[in-house]
Amino acid sequence: MIEPLKVAAQWMENAGAIIALVMDPSSRWRLEDGSAAVENMLIASTALGYGSCWLEGYTLPREEEFKTLLNIPAEKRLLTLIPIGVPIEWPTREKKPLKEVIHWEKF
């Protein structure tokens, strides 16, 4: 199934798995719940030594195509695809000092 899904992002062909996050649009909190679920999956995959990525921006334009491919019921929404695999390299970045990224009481 990875082959037809990689149209969202060519580099996904190297993923070991791709999770499709499907939401019920009638749920009042679907975006909040879905976002929390995605973040937990990203954190868990990193903790297990895997790389992952949230692909909502690449998924949304092809939602209907992917829903058909994955046999997702018409009344559901595909929030995102989450490829997971062994990264070719881990990005490194120096952390900014806390005083540069936090604001107290006012921005």
C-alpha atoms as a PDB file:
ATOM      1  CA  MET A   1       0.000   0.000   0.000  1.00  0.00           C
ATOM      2  CA  ILE A   2       3.007   2.324   0.423  1.00  0.00           C
ATOM      3  CA  GLU A   3       3.555   2.545  -3.344  1.00  0.00           C
ATOM      4  CA  PRO A   4       0.250   4.275  -4.197  1.00  0.00           C
ATOM      5  CA  LEU A   5       0.367   6.459  -1.062  1.00  0.00           C
ATOM      6  CA  LYS A   6       3.814   7.864  -1.840  1.00  0.00           C
ATOM      7  CA  VAL A   7       2.250  10.359  -4.252  1.00  0.00           C
ATOM      8  CA  ALA A   8       1.765  12.455  -1.096  1.00  0.00           C
ATOM      9  CA  ALA A   9       5.553  12.636  -0.672  1.00  0.00           C
ATOM     10  CA  GLN A  10       8.046  10.654  -2.764  1.00  0.00           C
ATOM     11  CA  TRP A  11      10.349   9.969   0.195  1.00  0.00           C
ATOM     12  CA  MET A  12       7.568   7.899   1.832  1.00  0.00           C
ATOM     13  CA  GLU A  13       8.611   4.960  -0.329  1.00  0.00           C
ATOM     14  CA  ASN A  14      11.297   4.307   2.306  1.00  0.00           C
ATOM     15  CA  ALA A  15       8.797   4.119   5.177  1.00  0.00           C
ATOM     16  CA  GLY A  16       8.298   0.834   6.955  1.00  0.00           C
ATOM     17  CA  ALA A  17       4.638   1.648   7.575  1.00  0.00           C
ATOM     18  CA  ILE A  18       2.166   4.462   7.018  1.00  0.00           C
ATOM     19  CA  ILE A  19      -0.606   5.147   9.513  1.00  0.00           C
ATOM     20  CA  ALA A  20      -3.805   6.696   8.149  1.00  0.00           C
ATOM     21  CA  LEU A  21      -5.594   8.692  10.829  1.00  0.00           C
ATOM     22  CA  VAL A  22      -9.331   8.547  10.148  1.00  0.00           C
ATOM     23  CA  MET A  23     -11.734  10.782  12.035  1.00  0.00           C
ATOM     24  CA  ASP A  24     -15.502  10.949  12.498  1.00  0.00           C
ATOM     25  CA  PRO A  25     -16.557  14.426  11.320  1.00  0.00           C
ATOM     26  CA  SER A  26     -19.587  14.344  13.617  1.00  0.00           C
ATOM     27  CA  SER A  27     -17.272  14.384  16.654  1.00  0.00           C
ATOM     28  CA  ARG A  28     -17.100  17.858  18.148  1.00  0.00           C
ATOM     29  CA  TRP A  29     -13.469  17.399  19.164  1.00  0.00           C
ATOM     30  CA  ARG A  30     -12.186  15.499  16.129  1.00  0.00           C
ATOM     31  CA  LEU A  31      -9.380  17.942  15.284  1.00  0.00           C
ATOM     32  CA  GLU A  32      -8.179  18.255  18.873  1.00  0.00           C
ATOM     33  CA  ASP A  33      -8.380  14.488  19.470  1.00  0.00           C
ATOM     34  CA  GLY A  34      -6.785  13.694  16.127  1.00  0.00           C
ATOM     35  CA  SER A  35      -3.982  16.201  16.669  1.00  0.00           C
ATOM     36  CA  ALA A  36      -3.265  14.791  20.131  1.00  0.00           C
ATOM     37  CA  ALA A  37      -3.234  11.257  18.713  1.00  0.00           C
ATOM     38  CA  VAL A  38      -0.799  12.254  15.965  1.00  0.00           C
ATOM     39  CA  GLU A  39       1.538  14.004  18.417  1.00  0.00           C
ATOM     40  CA  ASN A  40       1.538  10.939  20.673  1.00  0.00           C
ATOM     41  CA  MET A  41       2.371   8.705  17.698  1.00  0.00           C
ATOM     42  CA  LEU A  42       5.237  11.005  16.675  1.00  0.00           C
ATOM     43  CA  ILE A  43       6.655  11.040  20.208  1.00  0.00           C
ATOM     44  CA  ALA A  44       6.239   7.275  20.612  1.00  0.00           C
ATOM     45  CA  SER A  45       7.914   6.498  17.287  1.00  0.00           C
ATOM     46  CA  THR A  46      10.887   8.704  18.216  1.00  0.00           C
ATOM     47  CA  ALA A  47      11.119   7.037  21.635  1.00  0.00           C
ATOM     48  CA  LEU A  48      11.256   3.668  19.853  1.00  0.00           C
ATOM     49  CA  GLY A  49      14.057   4.850  17.561  1.00  0.00           C
ATOM     50  CA  TYR A  50      11.996   5.534  14.451  1.00  0.00           C
ATOM     51  CA  GLY A  51      11.424   8.656  12.438  1.00  0.00           C
ATOM     52  CA  SER A  52       7.965   9.908  11.573  1.00  0.00           C
ATOM     53  CA  CYS A  53       6.262  12.882   9.992  1.00  0.00           C
ATOM     54  CA  TRP A  54       2.812  14.500  10.017  1.00  0.00           C
ATOM     55  CA  LEU A  55       1.676  14.826   6.385  1.00  0.00           C
ATOM     56  CA  GLU A  56      -1.629  16.692   6.648  1.00  0.00           C
ATOM     57  CA  GLY A  57      -0.651  19.355   4.134  1.00  0.00           C
ATOM     58  CA  TYR A  58       0.224  16.671   1.608  1.00  0.00           C
ATOM     59  CA  THR A  59      -2.775  14.503   2.464  1.00  0.00           C
ATOM     60  CA  LEU A  60      -5.664  16.967   2.324  1.00  0.00           C
ATOM     61  CA  PRO A  61      -5.493  17.709  -1.439  1.00  0.00           C
ATOM     62  CA  ARG A  62      -5.676  13.952  -2.142  1.00  0.00           C
ATOM     63  CA  GLU A  63      -8.107  12.981   0.606  1.00  0.00           C
ATOM     64  CA  GLU A  64     -10.778  11.520  -1.688  1.00  0.00           C
ATOM     65  CA  GLU A  65      -8.190   9.573  -3.679  1.00  0.00           C
ATOM     66  CA  PHE A  66      -6.688   8.099  -0.496  1.00  0.00           C
ATOM     67  CA  LYS A  67     -10.105   7.359   1.026  1.00  0.00           C
ATOM     68  CA  THR A  68     -10.982   5.327  -2.070  1.00  0.00           C
ATOM     69  CA  LEU A  69      -7.624   3.550  -2.047  1.00  0.00           C
ATOM     70  CA  LEU A  70      -7.900   2.692   1.674  1.00  0.00           C
ATOM     71  CA  ASN A  71     -11.622   1.875   1.522  1.00  0.00           C
ATOM     72  CA  ILE A  72     -12.436   4.562   4.114  1.00  0.00           C
ATOM     73  CA  PRO A  73     -16.202   5.117   4.424  1.00  0.00           C
ATOM     74  CA  ALA A  74     -17.479   8.240   2.658  1.00  0.00           C
ATOM     75  CA  GLU A  75     -18.801   9.762   5.896  1.00  0.00           C
ATOM     76  CA  LYS A  76     -15.342   9.674   7.571  1.00  0.00           C
ATOM     77  CA  ARG A  77     -12.447  12.114   7.104  1.00  0.00           C
ATOM     78  CA  LEU A  78      -8.797  11.295   6.550  1.00  0.00           C
ATOM     79  CA  LEU A  79      -6.959  13.725   8.805  1.00  0.00           C
ATOM     80  CA  THR A  80      -3.423  12.764   7.845  1.00  0.00           C
ATOM     81  CA  LEU A  81      -0.932  10.105   6.860  1.00  0.00           C
ATOM     82  CA  ILE A  82       1.954   9.350   9.212  1.00  0.00           C
ATOM     83  CA  PRO A  83       4.889   7.492   7.638  1.00  0.00           C
ATOM     84  CA  ILE A  84       7.135   5.722  10.136  1.00  0.00           C
ATOM     85  CA  GLY A  85      10.526   4.175   9.490  1.00  0.00           C
ATOM     86  CA  VAL A  86      14.237   4.230  10.131  1.00  0.00           C
ATOM     87  CA  PRO A  87      15.508   7.694   9.215  1.00  0.00           C
ATOM     88  CA  ILE A  88      18.454   8.063   6.849  1.00  0.00           C
ATOM     89  CA  GLU A  89      19.767  10.688   9.238  1.00  0.00           C
ATOM     90  CA  TRP A  90      18.531  12.406  12.376  1.00  0.00           C
ATOM     91  CA  PRO A  91      18.336  16.169  12.114  1.00  0.00           C
ATOM     92  CA  THR A  92      20.382  18.033  14.673  1.00  0.00           C
ATOM     93  CA  ARG A  93      19.653  21.498  15.885  1.00  0.00           C
ATOM     94  CA  GLU A  94      20.897  23.490  18.831  1.00  0.00           C
ATOM     95  CA  LYS A  95      18.227  24.297  21.355  1.00  0.00           C
ATOM     96  CA  LYS A  96      17.404  27.939  21.850  1.00  0.00           C
ATOM     97  CA  PRO A  97      17.622  29.344  25.354  1.00  0.00           C
ATOM     98  CA  LEU A  98      14.287  29.222  27.159  1.00  0.00           C
ATOM     99  CA  LYS A  99      14.113  33.008  27.340  1.00  0.00           C
ATOM    100  CA  GLU A 100      14.005  33.086  23.504  1.00  0.00           C
ATOM    101  CA  VAL A 101      11.017  30.766  23.168  1.00  0.00           C
ATOM    102  CA  ILE A 102       8.812  31.556  26.154  1.00  0.00           C
ATOM    103  CA  HIS A 103       6.925  34.703  27.023  1.00  0.00           C
ATOM    104  CA  TRP A 104       5.476  35.414  30.445  1.00  0.00           C
ATOM    105  CA  GLU A 105       1.993  36.940  30.617  1.00  0.00           C
ATOM    106  CA  LYS A 106       2.381  38.848  27.319  1.00  0.00           C
ATOM    107  CA  PHE A 107       3.954  38.108  23.980  1.00  0.00           C
END
